[in-house]
Amino acid sequence: MKHLLIGTSIAAIFLAACHTARTQGEPTVVVVPPDEMSRDPAAAAPTAKVVPAAPSPTTAASPAAAPVKHSYNSCNVDGPYIAMTFDDGPHETNTPRLLDMLKQRGLKATFYVVGQCVVEYPDIMKRIAAEGHEIGNHSWSHPALNSVGAESLRKQMDSTTAAIVKSTGIRPATMRPPYGATSARLNKLFDEQYGMKVILWSVDPLDWKNRNSATVSSRIIQGAHPGAIILAHDIHATTVAAMPEVFDTLLAKGYKFVTVSELLAMDRPPQLVKKETPPAKPAPAAQ
């Protein structure tokens, strides 16, 4: 009986933790500027200094390579392509409803999942993967990753990736730091050590704060632009209820929905991108 009570208590704690990660309020988080690395858990880890080889006297110097991008708020694309992203799930009822909406319209999205919830709902994870959506790492328990220690950061990332791989067989190629709390050094660490580009956003409807479907849909529709990465949360029923209007209105405006990795593959230097707006919905024929 004692062992049974202990086991029941552990299960209750686990489920409560996942519930907390999916429903907690949004704290005020200051994103560390690129020149302020003292709070970064990776700052204390020294790296070997690489000295570039001197150019051969008989070989002309090659043009400087473009800097590697470790993080993205949006992309520079030719065409009306956008990436719709959903954080903090999967959710037991909201995520399947959202998947139905996406499937009905033949759309693809990207889900930034919390590890504890991945373990709780493996069947939903399997469905997300089977229907062609992208899955990204959003930490194990949703802390601000720029305020945790190096060992805690490693566990947050590795545990979530392991859970995603176990449930879907897919290793995530991108991650999103909870609350957008990151730094230039952390972005580099996530890319080079974990093999994941850091994905932020350019459109934020504040759906975690304003639980009103009309408000959420209006903000997303008004903020959408070619190359946009749109933030939303499938843990909120009001957000999922806003999606039919969002999807149908943006489709009518000519937008094309792609996964984050597909959008990143289209990214080009700004000077090479043609400035254009998505085609407007054709006017109805005269009666």
C-alpha atoms as a PDB file:
ATOM      1  CA  MET A   1       0.000   0.000   0.000  1.00  0.00           C
ATOM      2  CA  LYS A   2       2.864   2.376   0.823  1.00  0.00           C
ATOM      3  CA  HIS A   3       4.436   1.816  -2.597  1.00  0.00           C
ATOM      4  CA  LEU A   4       1.084   2.372  -4.298  1.00  0.00           C
ATOM      5  CA  LEU A   5       0.598   5.698  -2.544  1.00  0.00           C
ATOM      6  CA  ILE A   6       4.096   6.828  -3.509  1.00  0.00           C
ATOM      7  CA  GLY A   7       3.535   5.864  -7.155  1.00  0.00           C
ATOM      8  CA  THR A   8       0.198   7.678  -7.249  1.00  0.00           C
ATOM      9  CA  SER A   9       1.780  10.798  -5.775  1.00  0.00           C
ATOM     10  CA  ILE A  10       4.544  10.820  -8.380  1.00  0.00           C
ATOM     11  CA  ALA A  11       2.027  10.486 -11.226  1.00  0.00           C
ATOM     12  CA  ALA A  12      -0.033  13.340  -9.814  1.00  0.00           C
ATOM     13  CA  ILE A  13       3.041  15.562  -9.565  1.00  0.00           C
ATOM     14  CA  PHE A  14       4.029  14.767 -13.172  1.00  0.00           C
ATOM     15  CA  LEU A  15       0.587  15.615 -14.563  1.00  0.00           C
ATOM     16  CA  ALA A  16       0.412  18.783 -12.487  1.00  0.00           C
ATOM     17  CA  ALA A  17       3.807  19.866 -13.835  1.00  0.00           C
ATOM     18  CA  CYS A  18       2.667  19.461 -17.433  1.00  0.00           C
ATOM     19  CA  HIS A  19      -0.545  21.352 -16.662  1.00  0.00           C
ATOM     20  CA  THR A  20       1.486  24.174 -15.092  1.00  0.00           C
ATOM     21  CA  ALA A  21       3.837  24.354 -18.072  1.00  0.00           C
ATOM     22  CA  ARG A  22       0.873  24.661 -20.436  1.00  0.00           C
ATOM     23  CA  THR A  23      -1.170  27.193 -18.502  1.00  0.00           C
ATOM     24  CA  GLN A  24       1.239  29.431 -16.648  1.00  0.00           C
ATOM     25  CA  GLY A  25       1.062  33.173 -17.128  1.00  0.00           C
ATOM     26  CA  GLU A  26       3.562  35.008 -19.295  1.00  0.00           C
ATOM     27  CA  PRO A  27       6.236  36.672 -17.095  1.00  0.00           C
ATOM     28  CA  THR A  28       8.177  39.752 -18.048  1.00  0.00           C
ATOM     29  CA  VAL A  29      11.439  38.487 -19.502  1.00  0.00           C
ATOM     30  CA  VAL A  30      14.264  40.727 -20.633  1.00  0.00           C
ATOM     31  CA  VAL A  31      16.017  39.305 -23.669  1.00  0.00           C
ATOM     32  CA  VAL A  32      19.762  39.575 -23.128  1.00  0.00           C
ATOM     33  CA  PRO A  33      21.388  42.006 -25.613  1.00  0.00           C
ATOM     34  CA  PRO A  34      24.116  40.526 -27.837  1.00  0.00           C
ATOM     35  CA  ASP A  35      26.850  42.336 -25.864  1.00  0.00           C
ATOM     36  CA  GLU A  36      25.635  41.185 -22.414  1.00  0.00           C
ATOM     37  CA  MET A  37      26.660  37.587 -21.942  1.00  0.00           C
ATOM     38  CA  SER A  38      27.291  37.362 -18.194  1.00  0.00           C
ATOM     39  CA  ARG A  39      23.872  35.765 -17.559  1.00  0.00           C
ATOM     40  CA  ASP A  40      24.373  33.214 -20.299  1.00  0.00           C
ATOM     41  CA  PRO A  41      24.930  29.663 -18.933  1.00  0.00           C
ATOM     42  CA  ALA A  42      27.361  28.990 -21.778  1.00  0.00           C
ATOM     43  CA  ALA A  43      29.471  32.069 -21.070  1.00  0.00           C
ATOM     44  CA  ALA A  44      31.719  30.238 -18.648  1.00  0.00           C
ATOM     45  CA  ALA A  45      32.587  27.513 -21.144  1.00  0.00           C
ATOM     46  CA  PRO A  46      35.843  28.482 -22.881  1.00  0.00           C
ATOM     47  CA  THR A  47      36.190  27.722 -26.544  1.00  0.00           C
ATOM     48  CA  ALA A  48      39.330  27.071 -28.516  1.00  0.00           C
ATOM     49  CA  LYS A  49      40.566  30.003 -30.535  1.00  0.00           C
ATOM     50  CA  VAL A  50      40.794  29.182 -34.214  1.00  0.00           C
ATOM     51  CA  VAL A  51      43.490  31.013 -36.149  1.00  0.00           C
ATOM     52  CA  PRO A  52      42.657  31.235 -39.858  1.00  0.00           C
ATOM     53  CA  ALA A  53      45.356  30.111 -42.257  1.00  0.00           C
ATOM     54  CA  ALA A  54      47.167  32.807 -44.175  1.00  0.00           C
ATOM     55  CA  PRO A  55      46.028  33.122 -47.797  1.00  0.00           C
ATOM     56  CA  SER A  56      48.307  31.654 -50.421  1.00  0.00           C
ATOM     57  CA  PRO A  57      50.353  34.360 -52.168  1.00  0.00           C
ATOM     58  CA  THR A  58      49.399  32.876 -55.510  1.00  0.00           C
ATOM     59  CA  THR A  59      45.671  32.726 -54.786  1.00  0.00           C
ATOM     60  CA  ALA A  60      43.414  35.759 -54.888  1.00  0.00           C
ATOM     61  CA  ALA A  61      41.492  36.403 -51.676  1.00  0.00           C
ATOM     62  CA  SER A  62      37.912  35.105 -51.854  1.00  0.00           C
ATOM     63  CA  PRO A  63      34.966  37.306 -50.913  1.00  0.00           C
ATOM     64  CA  ALA A  64      34.010  37.250 -47.235  1.00  0.00           C
ATOM     65  CA  ALA A  65      31.445  34.588 -46.476  1.00  0.00           C
ATOM     66  CA  ALA A  66      28.040  35.715 -45.305  1.00  0.00           C
ATOM     67  CA  PRO A  67      27.659  35.459 -41.521  1.00  0.00           C
ATOM     68  CA  VAL A  68      25.884  32.370 -40.262  1.00  0.00           C
ATOM     69  CA  LYS A  69      22.373  33.065 -39.007  1.00  0.00           C
ATOM     70  CA  HIS A  70      21.598  31.292 -35.773  1.00  0.00           C
ATOM     71  CA  SER A  71      18.163  32.833 -35.146  1.00  0.00           C
ATOM     72  CA  TYR A  72      15.211  34.119 -37.140  1.00  0.00           C
ATOM     73  CA  ASN A  73      12.292  36.447 -36.468  1.00  0.00           C
ATOM     74  CA  SER A  74      11.156  36.273 -40.094  1.00  0.00           C
ATOM     75  CA  CYS A  75      12.584  35.467 -43.520  1.00  0.00           C
ATOM     76  CA  ASN A  76      13.222  37.349 -46.741  1.00  0.00           C
ATOM     77  CA  VAL A  77      11.316  35.404 -49.371  1.00  0.00           C
ATOM     78  CA  ASP A  78      10.151  35.750 -52.944  1.00  0.00           C
ATOM     79  CA  GLY A  79       6.437  35.162 -52.702  1.00  0.00           C
ATOM     80  CA  PRO A  80       3.645  35.283 -50.113  1.00  0.00           C
ATOM     81  CA  TYR A  81       4.960  32.491 -47.877  1.00  0.00           C
ATOM     82  CA  ILE A  82       4.310  32.456 -44.125  1.00  0.00           C
ATOM     83  CA  ALA A  83       4.910  30.024 -41.255  1.00  0.00           C
ATOM     84  CA  MET A  84       2.211  29.481 -38.644  1.00  0.00           C
ATOM     85  CA  THR A  85       3.605  28.239 -35.337  1.00  0.00           C
ATOM     86  CA  PHE A  86       1.929  26.915 -32.179  1.00  0.00           C
ATOM     87  CA  ASP A  87       3.600  26.762 -28.764  1.00  0.00           C
ATOM     88  CA  ASP A  88       3.277  24.931 -25.440  1.00  0.00           C
ATOM     89  CA  GLY A  89       1.368  21.820 -26.531  1.00  0.00           C
ATOM     90  CA  PRO A  90       0.353  19.285 -27.337  1.00  0.00           C
ATOM     91  CA  HIS A  91      -2.988  19.818 -25.644  1.00  0.00           C
ATOM     92  CA  GLU A  92      -5.391  16.934 -25.117  1.00  0.00           C
ATOM     93  CA  THR A  93      -8.382  18.491 -26.939  1.00  0.00           C
ATOM     94  CA  ASN A  94      -7.257  21.746 -28.555  1.00  0.00           C
ATOM     95  CA  THR A  95      -4.428  20.282 -30.611  1.00  0.00           C
ATOM     96  CA  PRO A  96      -6.553  17.578 -32.295  1.00  0.00           C
ATOM     97  CA  ARG A  97      -9.174  20.225 -33.145  1.00  0.00           C
ATOM     98  CA  LEU A  98      -6.459  22.388 -34.688  1.00  0.00           C
ATOM     99  CA  LEU A  99      -5.073  19.430 -36.638  1.00  0.00           C
ATOM    100  CA  ASP A 100      -8.541  18.817 -38.066  1.00  0.00           C
ATOM    101  CA  MET A 101      -8.693  22.431 -39.273  1.00  0.00           C
ATOM    102  CA  LEU A 102      -5.266  22.224 -40.882  1.00  0.00           C
ATOM    103  CA  LYS A 103      -6.018  18.882 -42.550  1.00  0.00           C
ATOM    104  CA  GLN A 104      -9.308  20.142 -43.950  1.00  0.00           C
ATOM    105  CA  ARG A 105      -7.458  22.989 -45.712  1.00  0.00           C
ATOM    106  CA  GLY A 106      -4.309  21.074 -46.639  1.00  0.00           C
ATOM    107  CA  LEU A 107      -2.109  23.395 -44.568  1.00  0.00           C
ATOM    108  CA  LYS A 108       1.147  22.734 -42.752  1.00  0.00           C
ATOM    109  CA  ALA A 109       2.230  24.315 -39.474  1.00  0.00           C
ATOM    110  CA  THR A 110       5.050  24.038 -36.933  1.00  0.00           C
ATOM    111  CA  PHE A 111       4.478  22.934 -33.346  1.00  0.00           C
ATOM    112  CA  TYR A 112       6.927  23.971 -30.614  1.00  0.00           C
ATOM    113  CA  VAL A 113       6.188  21.377 -27.974  1.00  0.00           C
ATOM    114  CA  VAL A 114       6.913  21.137 -24.248  1.00  0.00           C
ATOM    115  CA  GLY A 115       8.647  17.883 -23.319  1.00  0.00           C
ATOM    116  CA  GLN A 116       6.412  17.036 -20.359  1.00  0.00           C
ATOM    117  CA  CYS A 117       3.354  17.281 -22.598  1.00  0.00           C
ATOM    118  CA  VAL A 118       5.006  15.230 -25.341  1.00  0.00           C
ATOM    119  CA  VAL A 119       5.328  12.372 -22.855  1.00  0.00           C
ATOM    120  CA  GLU A 120       1.728  12.818 -21.718  1.00  0.00           C
ATOM    121  CA  TYR A 121       0.216  12.771 -25.241  1.00  0.00           C
ATOM    122  CA  PRO A 122       2.386  10.568 -27.505  1.00  0.00           C
ATOM    123  CA  ASP A 123      -0.534   9.685 -29.791  1.00  0.00           C
ATOM    124  CA  ILE A 124      -1.144  13.351 -30.594  1.00  0.00           C
ATOM    125  CA  MET A 125       2.556  13.739 -31.333  1.00  0.00           C
ATOM    126  CA  LYS A 126       2.380  10.805 -33.731  1.00  0.00           C
ATOM    127  CA  ARG A 127      -0.530  12.435 -35.517  1.00  0.00           C
ATOM    128  CA  ILE A 128       1.273  15.784 -35.817  1.00  0.00           C
ATOM    129  CA  ALA A 129       4.220  14.042 -37.463  1.00  0.00           C
ATOM    130  CA  ALA A 130       2.103  11.731 -39.646  1.00  0.00           C
ATOM    131  CA  GLU A 131       0.195  14.679 -41.118  1.00  0.00           C
ATOM    132  CA  GLY A 132       3.376  16.427 -42.231  1.00  0.00           C
ATOM    133  CA  HIS A 133       3.727  19.190 -39.685  1.00  0.00           C
ATOM    134  CA  GLU A 134       7.076  20.253 -38.277  1.00  0.00           C
ATOM    135  CA  ILE A 135       7.914  19.686 -34.610  1.00  0.00           C
ATOM    136  CA  GLY A 136      10.335  21.883 -32.688  1.00  0.00           C
ATOM    137  CA  ASN A 137      11.876  21.839 -29.210  1.00  0.00           C
ATOM    138  CA  HIS A 138      10.289  24.266 -26.702  1.00  0.00           C
ATOM    139  CA  SER A 139      12.087  22.962 -23.570  1.00  0.00           C
ATOM    140  CA  TRP A 140      10.975  20.372 -21.039  1.00  0.00           C
ATOM    141  CA  SER A 141       9.112  22.559 -18.514  1.00  0.00           C
ATOM    142  CA  HIS A 142       9.005  26.055 -20.082  1.00  0.00           C
ATOM    143  CA  PRO A 143      11.558  28.041 -18.045  1.00  0.00           C
ATOM    144  CA  ALA A 144      13.358  31.160 -19.270  1.00  0.00           C
ATOM    145  CA  LEU A 145      16.453  29.436 -20.651  1.00  0.00           C
ATOM    146  CA  ASN A 146      18.679  32.502 -20.276  1.00  0.00           C
ATOM    147  CA  SER A 147      18.295  32.298 -16.501  1.00  0.00           C
ATOM    148  CA  VAL A 148      19.086  28.614 -15.885  1.00  0.00           C
ATOM    149  CA  GLY A 149      22.444  26.960 -15.340  1.00  0.00           C
ATOM    150  CA  ALA A 150      24.356  25.000 -17.950  1.00  0.00           C
ATOM    151  CA  GLU A 151      23.350  21.572 -16.609  1.00  0.00           C
ATOM    152  CA  SER A 152      19.687  22.537 -16.346  1.00  0.00           C
ATOM    153  CA  LEU A 153      19.786  23.922 -19.889  1.00  0.00           C
ATOM    154  CA  ARG A 154      21.220  20.663 -21.181  1.00  0.00           C
ATOM    155  CA  LYS A 155      18.503  18.639 -19.459  1.00  0.00           C
ATOM    156  CA  GLN A 156      15.749  20.934 -20.753  1.00  0.00           C
ATOM    157  CA  MET A 157      16.936  20.483 -24.320  1.00  0.00           C
ATOM    158  CA  ASP A 158      18.050  16.831 -24.314  1.00  0.00           C
ATOM    159  CA  SER A 159      15.024  15.481 -22.446  1.00  0.00           C
ATOM    160  CA  THR A 160      12.620  17.185 -24.829  1.00  0.00           C
ATOM    161  CA  THR A 161      14.461  16.050 -27.934  1.00  0.00           C
ATOM    162  CA  ALA A 162      14.557  12.474 -26.598  1.00  0.00           C
ATOM    163  CA  ALA A 163      10.794  12.556 -25.955  1.00  0.00           C
ATOM    164  CA  ILE A 164      10.087  13.889 -29.465  1.00  0.00           C
ATOM    165  CA  VAL A 165      12.288  11.238 -31.066  1.00  0.00           C
ATOM    166  CA  LYS A 166      10.697   8.471 -28.992  1.00  0.00           C
ATOM    167  CA  SER A 167       7.139   9.458 -29.918  1.00  0.00           C
ATOM    168  CA  THR A 168       7.668  10.403 -33.578  1.00  0.00           C
ATOM    169  CA  GLY A 169      11.076   9.149 -34.732  1.00  0.00           C
ATOM    170  CA  ILE A 170      11.868  12.738 -35.777  1.00  0.00           C
ATOM    171  CA  ARG A 171      14.724  14.830 -34.414  1.00  0.00           C
ATOM    172  CA  PRO A 172      13.802  18.551 -34.261  1.00  0.00           C
ATOM    173  CA  ALA A 173      15.792  20.938 -36.464  1.00  0.00           C
ATOM    174  CA  THR A 174      14.550  24.123 -34.791  1.00  0.00           C
ATOM    175  CA  MET A 175      13.769  25.316 -31.281  1.00  0.00           C
ATOM    176  CA  ARG A 176      11.930  28.202 -29.693  1.00  0.00           C
ATOM    177  CA  PRO A 177      13.094  29.573 -26.332  1.00  0.00           C
ATOM    178  CA  PRO A 178      10.178  30.023 -23.914  1.00  0.00           C
ATOM    179  CA  TYR A 179       9.154  33.693 -23.658  1.00  0.00           C
ATOM    180  CA  GLY A 180      11.711  34.484 -26.378  1.00  0.00           C
ATOM    181  CA  ALA A 181      14.310  34.651 -23.588  1.00  0.00           C
ATOM    182  CA  THR A 182      17.642  34.161 -25.313  1.00  0.00           C
ATOM    183  CA  SER A 183      20.893  35.882 -26.289  1.00  0.00           C
ATOM    184  CA  ALA A 184      23.321  35.914 -29.187  1.00  0.00           C
ATOM    185  CA  ARG A 185      25.596  33.441 -27.410  1.00  0.00           C
ATOM    186  CA  LEU A 186      22.728  31.121 -26.557  1.00  0.00           C
ATOM    187  CA  ASN A 187      21.497  31.256 -30.141  1.00  0.00           C
ATOM    188  CA  LYS A 188      24.939  30.173 -31.308  1.00  0.00           C
ATOM    189  CA  LEU A 189      24.998  27.396 -28.707  1.00  0.00           C
ATOM    190  CA  PHE A 190      21.594  26.039 -29.730  1.00  0.00           C
ATOM    191  CA  ASP A 191      22.644  26.005 -33.377  1.00  0.00           C
ATOM    192  CA  GLU A 192      26.154  24.606 -33.052  1.00  0.00           C
ATOM    193  CA  GLN A 193      25.760  22.252 -30.072  1.00  0.00           C
ATOM    194  CA  TYR A 194      22.175  21.069 -30.507  1.00  0.00           C
ATOM    195  CA  GLY A 195      21.828  21.502 -34.270  1.00  0.00           C
ATOM    196  CA  MET A 196      18.735  23.678 -33.959  1.00  0.00           C
ATOM    197  CA  LYS A 197      18.096  27.119 -35.399  1.00  0.00           C
ATOM    198  CA  VAL A 198      16.434  29.485 -32.925  1.00  0.00           C
ATOM    199  CA  ILE A 199      13.001  30.594 -34.105  1.00  0.00           C
ATOM    200  CA  LEU A 200      11.384  33.713 -32.686  1.00  0.00           C
ATOM    201  CA  TRP A 201       8.546  35.555 -34.433  1.00  0.00           C
ATOM    202  CA  SER A 202       7.465  38.705 -36.274  1.00  0.00           C
ATOM    203  CA  VAL A 203       3.716  38.502 -35.528  1.00  0.00           C
ATOM    204  CA  ASP A 204       2.474  38.106 -31.955  1.00  0.00           C
ATOM    205  CA  PRO A 205      -1.294  38.328 -31.309  1.00  0.00           C
ATOM    206  CA  LEU A 206      -0.751  38.150 -27.528  1.00  0.00           C
ATOM    207  CA  ASP A 207      -3.229  35.301 -27.449  1.00  0.00           C
ATOM    208  CA  TRP A 208      -1.948  34.148 -24.050  1.00  0.00           C
ATOM    209  CA  LYS A 209      -3.031  37.496 -22.610  1.00  0.00           C
ATOM    210  CA  ASN A 210      -6.146  38.364 -24.618  1.00  0.00           C
ATOM    211  CA  ARG A 211      -8.353  35.278 -24.667  1.00  0.00           C
ATOM    212  CA  ASN A 212     -10.650  36.627 -27.350  1.00  0.00           C
ATOM    213  CA  SER A 213     -10.897  34.834 -30.693  1.00  0.00           C
ATOM    214  CA  ALA A 214     -11.887  37.909 -32.701  1.00  0.00           C
ATOM    215  CA  THR A 215      -8.964  39.882 -31.287  1.00  0.00           C
ATOM    216  CA  VAL A 216      -6.509  37.079 -31.973  1.00  0.00           C
ATOM    217  CA  SER A 217      -7.617  36.568 -35.573  1.00  0.00           C
ATOM    218  CA  SER A 218      -7.640  40.314 -36.292  1.00  0.00           C
ATOM    219  CA  ARG A 219      -4.095  40.788 -35.005  1.00  0.00           C
ATOM    220  CA  ILE A 220      -2.716  37.869 -36.984  1.00  0.00           C
ATOM    221  CA  ILE A 221      -4.464  38.874 -40.207  1.00  0.00           C
ATOM    222  CA  GLN A 222      -3.360  42.495 -39.913  1.00  0.00           C
ATOM    223  CA  GLY A 223       0.212  41.579 -38.996  1.00  0.00           C
ATOM    224  CA  ALA A 224       0.798  38.933 -41.662  1.00  0.00           C
ATOM    225  CA  HIS A 225       3.432  39.705 -44.283  1.00  0.00           C
ATOM    226  CA  PRO A 226       5.555  37.679 -46.721  1.00  0.00           C
ATOM    227  CA  GLY A 227       8.179  35.774 -44.751  1.00  0.00           C
ATOM    228  CA  ALA A 228       6.304  36.172 -41.453  1.00  0.00           C
ATOM    229  CA  ILE A 229       6.721  33.752 -38.583  1.00  0.00           C
ATOM    230  CA  ILE A 230       3.453  33.907 -36.655  1.00  0.00           C
ATOM    231  CA  LEU A 231       3.282  33.007 -32.973  1.00  0.00           C
ATOM    232  CA  ALA A 232       0.213  31.361 -31.412  1.00  0.00           C
ATOM    233  CA  HIS A 233      -0.567  28.861 -28.642  1.00  0.00           C
ATOM    234  CA  ASP A 234      -2.670  25.754 -29.218  1.00  0.00           C
ATOM    235  CA  ILE A 235      -3.167  25.319 -25.461  1.00  0.00           C
ATOM    236  CA  HIS A 236      -5.795  28.098 -25.546  1.00  0.00           C
ATOM    237  CA  ALA A 237      -9.261  27.210 -26.835  1.00  0.00           C
ATOM    238  CA  THR A 238      -9.850  30.831 -27.887  1.00  0.00           C
ATOM    239  CA  THR A 239      -6.779  30.716 -30.116  1.00  0.00           C
ATOM    240  CA  VAL A 240      -7.848  27.485 -31.813  1.00  0.00           C
ATOM    241  CA  ALA A 241     -11.330  28.938 -32.311  1.00  0.00           C
ATOM    242  CA  ALA A 242      -9.740  31.909 -34.110  1.00  0.00           C
ATOM    243  CA  MET A 243      -7.877  29.768 -36.619  1.00  0.00           C
ATOM    244  CA  PRO A 244     -10.619  29.118 -39.219  1.00  0.00           C
ATOM    245  CA  GLU A 245     -10.946  32.857 -39.844  1.00  0.00           C
ATOM    246  CA  VAL A 246      -7.163  33.284 -39.831  1.00  0.00           C
ATOM    247  CA  PHE A 247      -6.586  30.450 -42.289  1.00  0.00           C
ATOM    248  CA  ASP A 248      -9.430  31.288 -44.642  1.00  0.00           C
ATOM    249  CA  THR A 249      -8.757  35.035 -44.721  1.00  0.00           C
ATOM    250  CA  LEU A 250      -5.025  34.670 -45.318  1.00  0.00           C
ATOM    251  CA  LEU A 251      -5.608  32.007 -47.986  1.00  0.00           C
ATOM    252  CA  ALA A 252      -8.058  34.362 -49.699  1.00  0.00           C
ATOM    253  CA  LYS A 253      -5.374  37.067 -49.637  1.00  0.00           C
ATOM    254  CA  GLY A 254      -3.018  34.729 -51.476  1.00  0.00           C
ATOM    255  CA  TYR A 255      -0.770  33.598 -48.641  1.00  0.00           C
ATOM    256  CA  LYS A 256       0.818  30.154 -48.719  1.00  0.00           C
ATOM    257  CA  PHE A 257       1.426  28.278 -45.467  1.00  0.00           C
ATOM    258  CA  VAL A 258       4.730  26.440 -45.040  1.00  0.00           C
ATOM    259  CA  THR A 259       6.657  24.944 -42.139  1.00  0.00           C
ATOM    260  CA  VAL A 260       9.406  26.935 -40.464  1.00  0.00           C
ATOM    261  CA  SER A 261      12.160  24.832 -42.037  1.00  0.00           C
ATOM    262  CA  GLU A 262      10.595  25.313 -45.459  1.00  0.00           C
ATOM    263  CA  LEU A 263      10.498  29.072 -44.864  1.00  0.00           C
ATOM    264  CA  LEU A 264      14.139  29.093 -43.739  1.00  0.00           C
ATOM    265  CA  ALA A 265      15.115  27.258 -46.934  1.00  0.00           C
ATOM    266  CA  MET A 266      13.588  30.142 -48.924  1.00  0.00           C
ATOM    267  CA  ASP A 267      15.447  32.854 -46.991  1.00  0.00           C
ATOM    268  CA  ARG A 268      17.569  35.131 -49.184  1.00  0.00           C
ATOM    269  CA  PRO A 269      19.623  38.304 -48.687  1.00  0.00           C
ATOM    270  CA  PRO A 270      17.230  41.276 -48.571  1.00  0.00           C
ATOM    271  CA  GLN A 271      18.737  42.878 -51.666  1.00  0.00           C
ATOM    272  CA  LEU A 272      17.859  39.805 -53.740  1.00  0.00           C
ATOM    273  CA  VAL A 273      14.209  39.671 -52.747  1.00  0.00           C
ATOM    274  CA  LYS A 274      11.625  41.279 -54.961  1.00  0.00           C
ATOM    275  CA  LYS A 275       9.374  43.607 -53.055  1.00  0.00           C
ATOM    276  CA  GLU A 276       5.848  42.405 -53.585  1.00  0.00           C
ATOM    277  CA  THR A 277       2.620  41.981 -51.707  1.00  0.00           C
ATOM    278  CA  PRO A 278       0.425  38.893 -51.794  1.00  0.00           C
ATOM    279  CA  PRO A 279      -2.203  38.935 -54.530  1.00  0.00           C
ATOM    280  CA  ALA A 280      -5.522  40.361 -53.502  1.00  0.00           C
ATOM    281  CA  LYS A 281      -8.661  38.282 -53.649  1.00  0.00           C
ATOM    282  CA  PRO A 282     -10.165  38.575 -57.162  1.00  0.00           C
ATOM    283  CA  ALA A 283     -13.169  40.854 -57.405  1.00  0.00           C
ATOM    284  CA  PRO A 284     -16.477  39.036 -58.035  1.00  0.00           C
ATOM    285  CA  ALA A 285     -17.676  39.027 -61.627  1.00  0.00           C
ATOM    286  CA  ALA A 286     -20.358  41.537 -62.542  1.00  0.00           C
ATOM    287  CA  GLN A 287     -23.842  40.097 -62.468  1.00  0.00           C
END
